[in-house]
Amino acid sequence: MSCDTHAMVVVHRAFTREFRLIGEIAAVTPASDGEQIRRVVRHGREMLTALHHHHHSEDELVWPRLRSAGVDAALIDAMESQHGGISAAMDALDAVLTGWESDPGAGETVTVAAARLHLVLSEHLHEEEHAVLPLVANILTEPQWAELGERGMVALPKRRSLVFLGYILEEADATERVAFLADIPGPVRLLYRFLGAPAHARETRVLRRDLDPSLTERAVS
């Protein structure tokens, strides 16, 4: 029996959207708005931390198992190589975020670095979803797949993980939302409803306040 890997696609959407938006927000944030700069920097670093843990979990729990199952080594080599390229782009974004804090006029460097990360990440995730996830669905057991999800839930502090869940579910349709939440313990779902979702809505409204208003209306409530 194959495992359902579609939840990974839902998670991927959050990463690609947020790194795109980080660059767009940086482009419209005035150098005089130190509070917003610090807010965007904090958000960017949190997304980088989450993506790092996401890829580290794949490096430990997915690629070795696919190799052991006899999956084409060239495909796994390509995935690992792409992770290396993404890691370099992540380091570059982290560096310019630090620079933006000390030089409020350096927002353009954040826009460029975020766009670069968004590009290489989007290309990798597209290939992973079309070439790798179908293999994962038939090779990994349900407990092995669940282990990957459990790793992701502990990447951030508990309260922040509840807010991050809002980012994940932001573009999920009704079916995806129900399926994703079904794999989360009841008490956590309750905390998300009353703490995580409202916090996510407030946070995105402020982060995206200078962008097209339609972007601030998609926050899950």
N, C-alpha and C. Protein backbone atom coordinates (compact mmCIF):
# COMPACT_ATOMS: atom_id res chain seq x y z
N MET A 1 0.84 -1.20 0.00
CA MET A 1 0.00 0.00 0.00
C MET A 1 0.88 1.25 0.00
N SER A 2 0.63 2.16 -0.93
CA SER A 2 1.45 3.36 -1.04
C SER A 2 1.03 4.40 -0.01
N CYS A 3 1.99 5.28 0.33
CA CYS A 3 1.67 6.37 1.25
C CYS A 3 1.31 7.61 0.45
N ASP A 4 0.51 8.47 1.05
CA ASP A 4 0.05 9.69 0.39
C ASP A 4 1.07 10.79 0.63
N THR A 5 1.75 11.21 -0.42
CA THR A 5 2.82 12.21 -0.30
C THR A 5 2.36 13.62 -0.66
N HIS A 6 1.07 13.81 -0.89
CA HIS A 6 0.62 15.13 -1.36
C HIS A 6 0.86 16.22 -0.32
N ALA A 7 0.91 15.86 0.95
CA ALA A 7 1.16 16.87 1.99
C ALA A 7 2.48 17.60 1.73
N MET A 8 3.45 16.90 1.12
CA MET A 8 4.73 17.53 0.81
C MET A 8 4.54 18.65 -0.21
N VAL A 9 3.65 18.45 -1.16
CA VAL A 9 3.38 19.48 -2.16
C VAL A 9 2.80 20.72 -1.49
N VAL A 10 1.93 20.51 -0.51
CA VAL A 10 1.34 21.63 0.22
C VAL A 10 2.42 22.41 0.98
N VAL A 11 3.35 21.69 1.59
CA VAL A 11 4.45 22.34 2.30
C VAL A 11 5.34 23.11 1.33
N HIS A 12 5.62 22.52 0.18
CA HIS A 12 6.46 23.19 -0.81
C HIS A 12 5.89 24.54 -1.23
N ARG A 13 4.57 24.62 -1.36
CA ARG A 13 3.95 25.88 -1.76
C ARG A 13 4.30 27.01 -0.79
N ALA A 14 4.33 26.67 0.50
CA ALA A 14 4.63 27.69 1.50
C ALA A 14 6.03 28.24 1.30
N PHE A 15 7.00 27.35 1.07
CA PHE A 15 8.37 27.81 0.90
C PHE A 15 8.53 28.67 -0.35
N THR A 16 8.00 28.21 -1.47
CA THR A 16 8.17 28.98 -2.70
C THR A 16 7.46 30.33 -2.60
N ARG A 17 6.28 30.36 -2.02
CA ARG A 17 5.55 31.63 -1.88
C ARG A 17 6.29 32.59 -0.97
N GLU A 18 6.73 32.11 0.19
CA GLU A 18 7.33 33.02 1.16
C GLU A 18 8.66 33.59 0.69
N PHE A 19 9.50 32.79 0.03
CA PHE A 19 10.77 33.35 -0.44
C PHE A 19 10.54 34.32 -1.59
N ARG A 20 9.50 34.09 -2.38
CA ARG A 20 9.15 35.09 -3.40
C ARG A 20 8.69 36.38 -2.74
N LEU A 21 7.82 36.26 -1.74
CA LEU A 21 7.28 37.45 -1.08
C LEU A 21 8.34 38.20 -0.27
N ILE A 22 9.28 37.49 0.32
CA ILE A 22 10.33 38.17 1.08
C ILE A 22 11.07 39.16 0.18
N GLY A 23 11.38 38.72 -1.04
CA GLY A 23 12.04 39.63 -1.97
C GLY A 23 11.16 40.80 -2.37
N GLU A 24 9.88 40.54 -2.58
CA GLU A 24 8.96 41.60 -2.97
C GLU A 24 8.75 42.60 -1.83
N ILE A 25 8.67 42.08 -0.61
CA ILE A 25 8.50 42.97 0.55
C ILE A 25 9.73 43.84 0.74
N ALA A 26 10.91 43.22 0.60
CA ALA A 26 12.15 43.99 0.76
C ALA A 26 12.22 45.13 -0.25
N ALA A 27 11.69 44.89 -1.44
CA ALA A 27 11.75 45.90 -2.50
C ALA A 27 10.91 47.14 -2.19
N VAL A 28 9.88 46.98 -1.35
CA VAL A 28 8.98 48.11 -1.08
C VAL A 28 9.09 48.61 0.36
N THR A 29 10.02 48.06 1.13
CA THR A 29 10.18 48.50 2.51
C THR A 29 11.11 49.71 2.57
N PRO A 30 10.63 50.85 3.08
CA PRO A 30 11.48 52.05 3.16
C PRO A 30 12.66 51.83 4.10
N ALA A 31 13.79 52.41 3.74
CA ALA A 31 14.98 52.30 4.59
C ALA A 31 14.73 52.92 5.96
N SER A 32 13.75 53.81 6.04
CA SER A 32 13.46 54.48 7.31
C SER A 32 12.62 53.63 8.26
N ASP A 33 12.08 52.51 7.76
CA ASP A 33 11.19 51.68 8.58
C ASP A 33 11.98 50.53 9.21
N GLY A 34 12.75 50.86 10.24
CA GLY A 34 13.58 49.86 10.90
C GLY A 34 12.79 48.72 11.50
N GLU A 35 11.61 49.00 12.01
CA GLU A 35 10.79 47.95 12.64
C GLU A 35 10.36 46.92 11.61
N GLN A 36 9.95 47.38 10.44
CA GLN A 36 9.53 46.45 9.39
C GLN A 36 10.73 45.66 8.87
N ILE A 37 11.88 46.31 8.75
CA ILE A 37 13.08 45.60 8.31
C ILE A 37 13.39 44.46 9.28
N ARG A 38 13.36 44.75 10.56
CA ARG A 38 13.64 43.70 11.55
C ARG A 38 12.59 42.60 11.47
N ARG A 39 11.35 42.98 11.21
CA ARG A 39 10.28 41.99 11.11
C ARG A 39 10.50 41.06 9.92
N VAL A 40 10.85 41.63 8.78
CA VAL A 40 11.07 40.83 7.58
C VAL A 40 12.32 39.95 7.74
N VAL A 41 13.36 40.50 8.34
CA VAL A 41 14.58 39.72 8.59
C VAL A 41 14.26 38.52 9.48
N ARG A 42 13.50 38.75 10.53
CA ARG A 42 13.13 37.66 11.44
C ARG A 42 12.33 36.59 10.70
N HIS A 43 11.40 37.02 9.86
CA HIS A 43 10.59 36.08 9.09
C HIS A 43 11.47 35.30 8.11
N GLY A 44 12.37 36.01 7.44
CA GLY A 44 13.24 35.35 6.48
C GLY A 44 14.10 34.29 7.14
N ARG A 45 14.64 34.61 8.29
CA ARG A 45 15.50 33.64 8.99
C ARG A 45 14.68 32.43 9.46
N GLU A 46 13.46 32.66 9.88
CA GLU A 46 12.64 31.54 10.31
C GLU A 46 12.33 30.62 9.14
N MET A 47 12.04 31.20 7.98
CA MET A 47 11.79 30.38 6.80
C MET A 47 13.05 29.63 6.37
N LEU A 48 14.20 30.27 6.49
CA LEU A 48 15.45 29.59 6.18
C LEU A 48 15.69 28.41 7.13
N THR A 49 15.40 28.61 8.40
CA THR A 49 15.55 27.54 9.39
C THR A 49 14.64 26.36 9.06
N ALA A 50 13.39 26.67 8.73
CA ALA A 50 12.43 25.62 8.41
C ALA A 50 12.84 24.86 7.16
N LEU A 51 13.31 25.59 6.15
CA LEU A 51 13.74 24.93 4.91
C LEU A 51 14.97 24.07 5.15
N HIS A 52 15.88 24.56 5.97
CA HIS A 52 17.07 23.77 6.30
C HIS A 52 16.68 22.43 6.93
N HIS A 53 15.78 22.47 7.90
CA HIS A 53 15.34 21.24 8.55
C HIS A 53 14.59 20.33 7.57
N HIS A 54 13.82 20.94 6.70
CA HIS A 54 13.07 20.16 5.70
C HIS A 54 14.04 19.36 4.83
N HIS A 55 15.06 20.03 4.33
CA HIS A 55 16.02 19.36 3.45
C HIS A 55 16.93 18.40 4.21
N HIS A 56 17.28 18.76 5.44
CA HIS A 56 18.11 17.85 6.25
C HIS A 56 17.36 16.54 6.52
N SER A 57 16.06 16.65 6.75
CA SER A 57 15.25 15.44 6.97
C SER A 57 15.23 14.57 5.73
N GLU A 58 15.11 15.19 4.56
CA GLU A 58 15.15 14.41 3.32
C GLU A 58 16.51 13.75 3.13
N ASP A 59 17.57 14.49 3.45
CA ASP A 59 18.92 13.94 3.31
C ASP A 59 19.10 12.70 4.19
N GLU A 60 18.48 12.71 5.37
CA GLU A 60 18.66 11.60 6.31
C GLU A 60 17.65 10.48 6.12
N LEU A 61 16.42 10.83 5.75
CA LEU A 61 15.33 9.86 5.79
C LEU A 61 14.78 9.42 4.43
N VAL A 62 15.08 10.18 3.38
CA VAL A 62 14.50 9.85 2.08
C VAL A 62 15.55 9.32 1.11
N TRP A 63 16.59 10.12 0.83
CA TRP A 63 17.55 9.70 -0.19
C TRP A 63 18.19 8.34 0.12
N PRO A 64 18.66 8.09 1.36
CA PRO A 64 19.27 6.78 1.62
C PRO A 64 18.29 5.61 1.40
N ARG A 65 17.04 5.81 1.75
CA ARG A 65 16.06 4.74 1.59
C ARG A 65 15.76 4.49 0.11
N LEU A 66 15.74 5.55 -0.68
CA LEU A 66 15.52 5.36 -2.11
C LEU A 66 16.72 4.65 -2.75
N ARG A 67 17.91 5.01 -2.32
CA ARG A 67 19.11 4.33 -2.84
C ARG A 67 19.06 2.84 -2.50
N SER A 68 18.69 2.54 -1.26
CA SER A 68 18.63 1.14 -0.83
C SER A 68 17.60 0.36 -1.62
N ALA A 69 16.57 1.06 -2.09
CA ALA A 69 15.51 0.39 -2.85
C ALA A 69 15.86 0.25 -4.33
N GLY A 70 17.04 0.73 -4.72
CA GLY A 70 17.48 0.57 -6.10
C GLY A 70 17.01 1.65 -7.05
N VAL A 71 16.58 2.79 -6.53
CA VAL A 71 16.18 3.91 -7.39
C VAL A 71 17.40 4.42 -8.15
N ASP A 72 17.19 4.85 -9.37
CA ASP A 72 18.25 5.38 -10.22
C ASP A 72 19.16 6.33 -9.44
N ALA A 73 20.43 5.95 -9.31
CA ALA A 73 21.37 6.74 -8.51
C ALA A 73 21.55 8.13 -9.07
N ALA A 74 21.45 8.28 -10.40
CA ALA A 74 21.64 9.59 -11.01
C ALA A 74 20.57 10.57 -10.54
N LEU A 75 19.36 10.08 -10.34
CA LEU A 75 18.27 10.94 -9.87
C LEU A 75 18.54 11.40 -8.44
N ILE A 76 18.95 10.47 -7.59
CA ILE A 76 19.24 10.84 -6.20
C ILE A 76 20.46 11.76 -6.13
N ASP A 77 21.46 11.49 -6.96
CA ASP A 77 22.64 12.37 -7.00
C ASP A 77 22.22 13.79 -7.39
N ALA A 78 21.30 13.89 -8.34
CA ALA A 78 20.83 15.21 -8.79
C ALA A 78 20.09 15.93 -7.66
N MET A 79 19.26 15.19 -6.92
CA MET A 79 18.53 15.80 -5.81
C MET A 79 19.49 16.32 -4.75
N GLU A 80 20.50 15.52 -4.43
CA GLU A 80 21.47 15.93 -3.42
C GLU A 80 22.29 17.13 -3.90
N SER A 81 22.66 17.10 -5.18
CA SER A 81 23.41 18.22 -5.74
C SER A 81 22.58 19.51 -5.71
N GLN A 82 21.30 19.39 -6.02
CA GLN A 82 20.42 20.55 -5.97
C GLN A 82 20.28 21.07 -4.55
N HIS A 83 20.24 20.19 -3.59
CA HIS A 83 20.22 20.63 -2.19
C HIS A 83 21.45 21.47 -1.87
N GLY A 84 22.60 21.06 -2.43
CA GLY A 84 23.81 21.83 -2.21
C GLY A 84 23.71 23.24 -2.80
N GLY A 85 23.15 23.34 -4.01
CA GLY A 85 22.98 24.64 -4.63
C GLY A 85 22.00 25.51 -3.87
N ILE A 86 20.93 24.89 -3.38
CA ILE A 86 19.94 25.63 -2.60
C ILE A 86 20.55 26.11 -1.29
N SER A 87 21.36 25.27 -0.68
CA SER A 87 22.01 25.65 0.58
C SER A 87 22.89 26.88 0.38
N ALA A 88 23.61 26.94 -0.74
CA ALA A 88 24.45 28.10 -1.02
C ALA A 88 23.59 29.35 -1.19
N ALA A 89 22.45 29.21 -1.88
CA ALA A 89 21.54 30.35 -2.06
C ALA A 89 20.92 30.78 -0.73
N MET A 90 20.67 29.82 0.14
CA MET A 90 20.15 30.12 1.47
C MET A 90 21.17 30.90 2.29
N ASP A 91 22.43 30.46 2.22
CA ASP A 91 23.49 31.16 2.95
C ASP A 91 23.63 32.59 2.45
N ALA A 92 23.49 32.76 1.13
CA ALA A 92 23.60 34.10 0.55
C ALA A 92 22.48 35.00 1.05
N LEU A 93 21.26 34.46 1.11
CA LEU A 93 20.14 35.25 1.60
C LEU A 93 20.32 35.58 3.07
N ASP A 94 20.76 34.63 3.86
CA ASP A 94 20.99 34.87 5.28
C ASP A 94 22.01 35.99 5.48
N ALA A 95 23.06 36.00 4.65
CA ALA A 95 24.10 37.02 4.77
C ALA A 95 23.57 38.41 4.45
N VAL A 96 22.74 38.52 3.40
CA VAL A 96 22.24 39.86 3.06
C VAL A 96 21.15 40.31 4.02
N LEU A 97 20.46 39.38 4.64
CA LEU A 97 19.51 39.77 5.69
C LEU A 97 20.25 40.42 6.85
N THR A 98 21.40 39.85 7.21
CA THR A 98 22.23 40.44 8.26
C THR A 98 22.71 41.83 7.82
N GLY A 99 23.12 41.93 6.56
CA GLY A 99 23.57 43.21 6.05
C GLY A 99 22.49 44.27 6.04
N TRP A 100 21.26 43.84 5.77
CA TRP A 100 20.13 44.78 5.73
C TRP A 100 19.85 45.35 7.11
N GLU A 101 20.05 44.54 8.13
CA GLU A 101 19.85 45.04 9.50
C GLU A 101 20.83 46.17 9.83
N SER A 102 22.05 46.03 9.36
CA SER A 102 23.06 47.05 9.67
C SER A 102 23.05 48.20 8.66
N ASP A 103 22.54 47.94 7.47
CA ASP A 103 22.45 48.98 6.44
C ASP A 103 21.04 48.98 5.87
N PRO A 104 20.13 49.80 6.43
CA PRO A 104 18.73 49.81 6.01
C PRO A 104 18.52 50.12 4.53
N GLY A 105 19.53 50.66 3.87
CA GLY A 105 19.39 50.96 2.46
C GLY A 105 19.73 49.78 1.55
N ALA A 106 20.01 48.64 2.14
CA ALA A 106 20.46 47.48 1.36
C ALA A 106 19.33 46.51 1.01
N GLY A 107 18.11 47.00 1.00
CA GLY A 107 16.98 46.12 0.72
C GLY A 107 17.06 45.45 -0.64
N GLU A 108 17.67 46.12 -1.62
CA GLU A 108 17.77 45.54 -2.96
C GLU A 108 18.57 44.26 -2.97
N THR A 109 19.58 44.17 -2.10
CA THR A 109 20.38 42.95 -2.04
C THR A 109 19.54 41.77 -1.55
N VAL A 110 18.59 42.05 -0.67
CA VAL A 110 17.68 41.01 -0.19
C VAL A 110 16.76 40.57 -1.32
N THR A 111 16.25 41.53 -2.08
CA THR A 111 15.38 41.21 -3.20
C THR A 111 16.09 40.30 -4.21
N VAL A 112 17.34 40.62 -4.52
CA VAL A 112 18.10 39.82 -5.49
C VAL A 112 18.38 38.42 -4.94
N ALA A 113 18.81 38.33 -3.69
CA ALA A 113 19.14 37.03 -3.11
C ALA A 113 17.90 36.16 -2.94
N ALA A 114 16.80 36.77 -2.54
CA ALA A 114 15.55 36.01 -2.39
C ALA A 114 15.06 35.49 -3.74
N ALA A 115 15.20 36.31 -4.78
CA ALA A 115 14.78 35.88 -6.12
C ALA A 115 15.63 34.72 -6.60
N ARG A 116 16.92 34.76 -6.29
CA ARG A 116 17.81 33.66 -6.69
C ARG A 116 17.43 32.37 -5.96
N LEU A 117 17.19 32.47 -4.67
CA LEU A 117 16.78 31.29 -3.91
C LEU A 117 15.45 30.77 -4.41
N HIS A 118 14.52 31.67 -4.67
CA HIS A 118 13.20 31.25 -5.16
C HIS A 118 13.33 30.48 -6.47
N LEU A 119 14.22 30.93 -7.35
CA LEU A 119 14.40 30.27 -8.65
C LEU A 119 14.93 28.86 -8.49
N VAL A 120 16.06 28.71 -7.78
CA VAL A 120 16.66 27.37 -7.68
C VAL A 120 15.78 26.44 -6.85
N LEU A 121 15.10 26.98 -5.85
CA LEU A 121 14.21 26.16 -5.03
C LEU A 121 13.01 25.69 -5.84
N SER A 122 12.41 26.58 -6.60
CA SER A 122 11.24 26.21 -7.41
C SER A 122 11.58 25.12 -8.42
N GLU A 123 12.75 25.25 -9.06
CA GLU A 123 13.16 24.24 -10.04
C GLU A 123 13.35 22.88 -9.36
N HIS A 124 13.98 22.89 -8.19
CA HIS A 124 14.20 21.64 -7.47
C HIS A 124 12.89 21.00 -7.02
N LEU A 125 12.02 21.80 -6.44
CA LEU A 125 10.77 21.25 -5.92
C LEU A 125 9.89 20.71 -7.04
N HIS A 126 9.92 21.37 -8.19
CA HIS A 126 9.13 20.88 -9.33
C HIS A 126 9.62 19.49 -9.74
N GLU A 127 10.94 19.33 -9.83
CA GLU A 127 11.48 18.02 -10.20
C GLU A 127 11.20 16.98 -9.12
N GLU A 128 11.35 17.39 -7.87
CA GLU A 128 11.09 16.46 -6.77
C GLU A 128 9.65 15.97 -6.79
N GLU A 129 8.72 16.89 -7.00
CA GLU A 129 7.31 16.51 -6.98
C GLU A 129 6.94 15.58 -8.14
N HIS A 130 7.57 15.77 -9.29
CA HIS A 130 7.19 14.98 -10.47
C HIS A 130 8.00 13.71 -10.65
N ALA A 131 9.27 13.73 -10.19
CA ALA A 131 10.13 12.56 -10.42
C ALA A 131 10.38 11.73 -9.18
N VAL A 132 10.32 12.37 -8.00
CA VAL A 132 10.70 11.67 -6.78
C VAL A 132 9.51 11.24 -5.93
N LEU A 133 8.57 12.14 -5.72
CA LEU A 133 7.45 11.79 -4.83
C LEU A 133 6.67 10.56 -5.28
N PRO A 134 6.46 10.35 -6.59
CA PRO A 134 5.78 9.10 -6.98
C PRO A 134 6.56 7.86 -6.56
N LEU A 135 7.88 7.94 -6.57
CA LEU A 135 8.71 6.81 -6.11
C LEU A 135 8.61 6.65 -4.60
N VAL A 136 8.67 7.78 -3.90
CA VAL A 136 8.56 7.75 -2.45
C VAL A 136 7.25 7.10 -2.03
N ALA A 137 6.17 7.44 -2.73
CA ALA A 137 4.85 6.92 -2.38
C ALA A 137 4.81 5.40 -2.42
N ASN A 138 5.60 4.79 -3.30
CA ASN A 138 5.57 3.34 -3.46
C ASN A 138 6.69 2.62 -2.72
N ILE A 139 7.67 3.36 -2.22
CA ILE A 139 8.82 2.72 -1.56
C ILE A 139 8.80 2.90 -0.05
N LEU A 140 8.56 4.11 0.41
CA LEU A 140 8.54 4.35 1.86
C LEU A 140 7.26 3.80 2.46
N THR A 141 7.36 3.27 3.66
CA THR A 141 6.17 2.82 4.38
C THR A 141 5.48 4.03 5.01
N GLU A 142 4.27 3.83 5.45
CA GLU A 142 3.55 4.93 6.10
C GLU A 142 4.26 5.41 7.36
N PRO A 143 4.78 4.50 8.21
CA PRO A 143 5.54 4.98 9.39
C PRO A 143 6.79 5.78 8.99
N GLN A 144 7.47 5.36 7.94
CA GLN A 144 8.65 6.09 7.49
C GLN A 144 8.27 7.48 6.98
N TRP A 145 7.17 7.57 6.26
CA TRP A 145 6.71 8.87 5.77
C TRP A 145 6.25 9.75 6.94
N ALA A 146 5.59 9.15 7.90
CA ALA A 146 5.14 9.90 9.08
C ALA A 146 6.33 10.46 9.85
N GLU A 147 7.43 9.71 9.88
CA GLU A 147 8.63 10.18 10.58
C GLU A 147 9.14 11.48 9.97
N LEU A 148 9.04 11.59 8.66
CA LEU A 148 9.48 12.81 7.98
C LEU A 148 8.64 14.00 8.43
N GLY A 149 7.32 13.79 8.51
CA GLY A 149 6.44 14.86 8.96
C GLY A 149 6.68 15.25 10.40
N GLU A 150 6.94 14.26 11.23
CA GLU A 150 7.21 14.53 12.65
C GLU A 150 8.48 15.35 12.83
N ARG A 151 9.48 15.08 12.01
CA ARG A 151 10.71 15.87 12.05
C ARG A 151 10.41 17.34 11.76
N GLY A 152 9.54 17.55 10.77
CA GLY A 152 9.22 18.92 10.38
C GLY A 152 8.52 19.69 11.48
N MET A 153 7.72 19.02 12.27
CA MET A 153 6.94 19.70 13.31
C MET A 153 7.80 20.18 14.47
N VAL A 154 8.99 19.61 14.64
CA VAL A 154 9.84 20.01 15.76
C VAL A 154 10.96 20.95 15.33
N ALA A 155 10.93 21.40 14.07
CA ALA A 155 12.00 22.27 13.57
C ALA A 155 11.97 23.64 14.22
N LEU A 156 10.78 24.09 14.63
CA LEU A 156 10.62 25.42 15.22
C LEU A 156 10.06 25.29 16.64
N PRO A 157 10.22 26.33 17.47
CA PRO A 157 9.59 26.31 18.78
C PRO A 157 8.08 26.07 18.64
N LYS A 158 7.47 25.47 19.66
CA LYS A 158 6.07 25.04 19.55
C LYS A 158 5.13 26.15 19.11
N ARG A 159 5.22 27.32 19.74
CA ARG A 159 4.30 28.40 19.38
C ARG A 159 4.52 28.85 17.94
N ARG A 160 5.78 28.91 17.52
CA ARG A 160 6.06 29.31 16.15
C ARG A 160 5.64 28.23 15.15
N SER A 161 5.72 26.97 15.55
CA SER A 161 5.29 25.91 14.65
C SER A 161 3.80 26.01 14.36
N LEU A 162 3.03 26.51 15.34
CA LEU A 162 1.60 26.71 15.13
C LEU A 162 1.35 27.80 14.10
N VAL A 163 2.17 28.85 14.14
CA VAL A 163 2.04 29.93 13.15
C VAL A 163 2.51 29.44 11.79
N PHE A 164 3.59 28.66 11.77
CA PHE A 164 4.10 28.13 10.50
C PHE A 164 3.07 27.23 9.83
N LEU A 165 2.27 26.54 10.63
CA LEU A 165 1.19 25.73 10.08
C LEU A 165 0.24 26.60 9.28
N GLY A 166 0.02 27.83 9.73
CA GLY A 166 -0.81 28.76 8.97
C GLY A 166 -0.22 29.07 7.61
N TYR A 167 1.09 29.23 7.55
CA TYR A 167 1.74 29.47 6.26
C TYR A 167 1.56 28.26 5.33
N ILE A 168 1.67 27.07 5.90
CA ILE A 168 1.52 25.85 5.10
C ILE A 168 0.11 25.75 4.53
N LEU A 169 -0.89 26.06 5.35
CA LEU A 169 -2.28 25.86 4.93
C LEU A 169 -2.85 27.03 4.16
N GLU A 170 -2.08 28.08 4.01
CA GLU A 170 -2.60 29.32 3.42
C GLU A 170 -3.21 29.12 2.03
N GLU A 171 -2.58 28.31 1.20
CA GLU A 171 -3.08 28.10 -0.16
C GLU A 171 -3.70 26.72 -0.35
N ALA A 172 -3.88 25.99 0.73
CA ALA A 172 -4.48 24.66 0.63
C ALA A 172 -5.97 24.78 0.34
N ASP A 173 -6.46 23.91 -0.55
CA ASP A 173 -7.90 23.90 -0.77
C ASP A 173 -8.56 23.10 0.36
N ALA A 174 -9.87 23.02 0.32
CA ALA A 174 -10.60 22.40 1.44
C ALA A 174 -10.18 20.95 1.65
N THR A 175 -10.01 20.19 0.58
CA THR A 175 -9.64 18.78 0.68
C THR A 175 -8.23 18.64 1.25
N GLU A 176 -7.30 19.45 0.76
CA GLU A 176 -5.93 19.40 1.25
C GLU A 176 -5.86 19.79 2.72
N ARG A 177 -6.64 20.78 3.07
CA ARG A 177 -6.64 21.27 4.45
C ARG A 177 -7.11 20.17 5.42
N VAL A 178 -8.19 19.51 5.07
CA VAL A 178 -8.73 18.44 5.91
C VAL A 178 -7.72 17.30 6.04
N ALA A 179 -7.12 16.91 4.91
CA ALA A 179 -6.17 15.80 4.92
C ALA A 179 -4.92 16.15 5.74
N PHE A 180 -4.44 17.38 5.60
CA PHE A 180 -3.23 17.79 6.33
C PHE A 180 -3.50 17.81 7.82
N LEU A 181 -4.61 18.41 8.22
CA LEU A 181 -4.92 18.52 9.64
C LEU A 181 -5.25 17.16 10.27
N ALA A 182 -5.71 16.22 9.45
CA ALA A 182 -6.06 14.89 9.98
C ALA A 182 -4.84 14.17 10.53
N ASP A 183 -3.66 14.51 10.03
CA ASP A 183 -2.44 13.85 10.50
C ASP A 183 -1.81 14.55 11.70
N ILE A 184 -2.47 15.58 12.20
CA ILE A 184 -1.96 16.35 13.33
C ILE A 184 -2.78 16.01 14.57
N PRO A 185 -2.14 15.79 15.72
CA PRO A 185 -2.89 15.43 16.94
C PRO A 185 -3.98 16.45 17.27
N GLY A 186 -5.09 15.95 17.82
CA GLY A 186 -6.22 16.81 18.15
C GLY A 186 -5.87 18.03 18.97
N PRO A 187 -5.10 17.88 20.06
CA PRO A 187 -4.76 19.06 20.87
C PRO A 187 -4.00 20.13 20.07
N VAL A 188 -3.15 19.68 19.15
CA VAL A 188 -2.40 20.63 18.32
C VAL A 188 -3.34 21.33 17.36
N ARG A 189 -4.30 20.60 16.80
CA ARG A 189 -5.29 21.23 15.91
C ARG A 189 -6.06 22.31 16.66
N LEU A 190 -6.40 22.03 17.92
CA LEU A 190 -7.14 23.00 18.72
C LEU A 190 -6.29 24.24 18.98
N LEU A 191 -5.03 24.03 19.32
CA LEU A 191 -4.13 25.16 19.55
C LEU A 191 -3.94 25.97 18.28
N TYR A 192 -3.87 25.28 17.16
CA TYR A 192 -3.73 26.00 15.89
C TYR A 192 -4.96 26.87 15.64
N ARG A 193 -6.13 26.32 15.88
CA ARG A 193 -7.36 27.07 15.61
C ARG A 193 -7.44 28.35 16.44
N PHE A 194 -7.07 28.25 17.71
CA PHE A 194 -7.27 29.40 18.60
C PHE A 194 -6.02 30.27 18.78
N LEU A 195 -4.85 29.74 18.48
CA LEU A 195 -3.62 30.51 18.64
C LEU A 195 -2.87 30.69 17.31
N GLY A 196 -2.58 29.59 16.65
CA GLY A 196 -1.75 29.65 15.45
C GLY A 196 -2.38 30.40 14.29
N ALA A 197 -3.63 30.06 13.97
CA ALA A 197 -4.29 30.70 12.83
C ALA A 197 -4.47 32.21 13.01
N PRO A 198 -4.97 32.67 14.17
CA PRO A 198 -5.08 34.13 14.36
C PRO A 198 -3.72 34.83 14.33
N ALA A 199 -2.70 34.20 14.91
CA ALA A 199 -1.36 34.80 14.91
C ALA A 199 -0.81 34.89 13.50
N HIS A 200 -1.04 33.86 12.71
CA HIS A 200 -0.60 33.87 11.32
C HIS A 200 -1.29 34.98 10.54
N ALA A 201 -2.59 35.13 10.75
CA ALA A 201 -3.34 36.17 10.04
C ALA A 201 -2.81 37.56 10.40
N ARG A 202 -2.58 37.80 11.68
CA ARG A 202 -2.05 39.10 12.10
C ARG A 202 -0.66 39.34 11.51
N GLU A 203 0.17 38.31 11.55
CA GLU A 203 1.55 38.43 11.11
C GLU A 203 1.64 38.73 9.62
N THR A 204 0.86 38.03 8.82
CA THR A 204 0.93 38.24 7.38
C THR A 204 0.36 39.60 6.99
N ARG A 205 -0.65 40.07 7.71
CA ARG A 205 -1.18 41.40 7.40
C ARG A 205 -0.11 42.47 7.55
N VAL A 206 0.68 42.36 8.61
CA VAL A 206 1.72 43.36 8.85
C VAL A 206 2.89 43.18 7.88
N LEU A 207 3.34 41.94 7.70
CA LEU A 207 4.47 41.69 6.81
C LEU A 207 4.18 42.16 5.39
N ARG A 208 2.96 41.95 4.92
CA ARG A 208 2.62 42.22 3.52
C ARG A 208 1.85 43.52 3.34
N ARG A 209 1.88 44.38 4.32
CA ARG A 209 1.01 45.57 4.30
C ARG A 209 1.30 46.51 3.13
N ASP A 210 2.53 46.52 2.61
CA ASP A 210 2.88 47.42 1.52
C ASP A 210 2.76 46.77 0.15
N LEU A 211 2.32 45.51 0.11
CA LEU A 211 2.12 44.81 -1.15
C LEU A 211 0.69 44.98 -1.62
N ASP A 212 0.38 44.37 -2.74
CA ASP A 212 -0.99 44.36 -3.24
C ASP A 212 -1.90 43.83 -2.13
N PRO A 213 -2.97 44.55 -1.79
CA PRO A 213 -3.85 44.13 -0.69
C PRO A 213 -4.39 42.72 -0.82
N SER A 214 -4.54 42.23 -2.05
CA SER A 214 -5.09 40.88 -2.22
C SER A 214 -4.20 39.83 -1.58
N LEU A 215 -2.90 40.11 -1.45
CA LEU A 215 -1.99 39.15 -0.85
C LEU A 215 -2.22 39.00 0.64
N THR A 216 -2.78 40.02 1.27
CA THR A 216 -3.01 39.97 2.72
C THR A 216 -4.34 39.34 3.06
N GLU A 217 -5.14 39.03 2.05
CA GLU A 217 -6.48 38.49 2.30
C GLU A 217 -6.52 36.97 2.25
N ARG A 218 -5.36 36.33 1.96
CA ARG A 218 -5.34 34.89 1.83
C ARG A 218 -4.98 34.19 3.12
N ALA A 219 -4.67 34.96 4.15
CA ALA A 219 -4.30 34.34 5.43
C ALA A 219 -5.45 33.49 5.94
N VAL A 220 -5.13 32.29 6.38
CA VAL A 220 -6.16 31.36 6.85
C VAL A 220 -6.65 31.79 8.21
N SER A 221 -7.95 31.83 8.39
CA SER A 221 -8.52 32.22 9.69
C SER A 221 -9.16 31.01 10.36
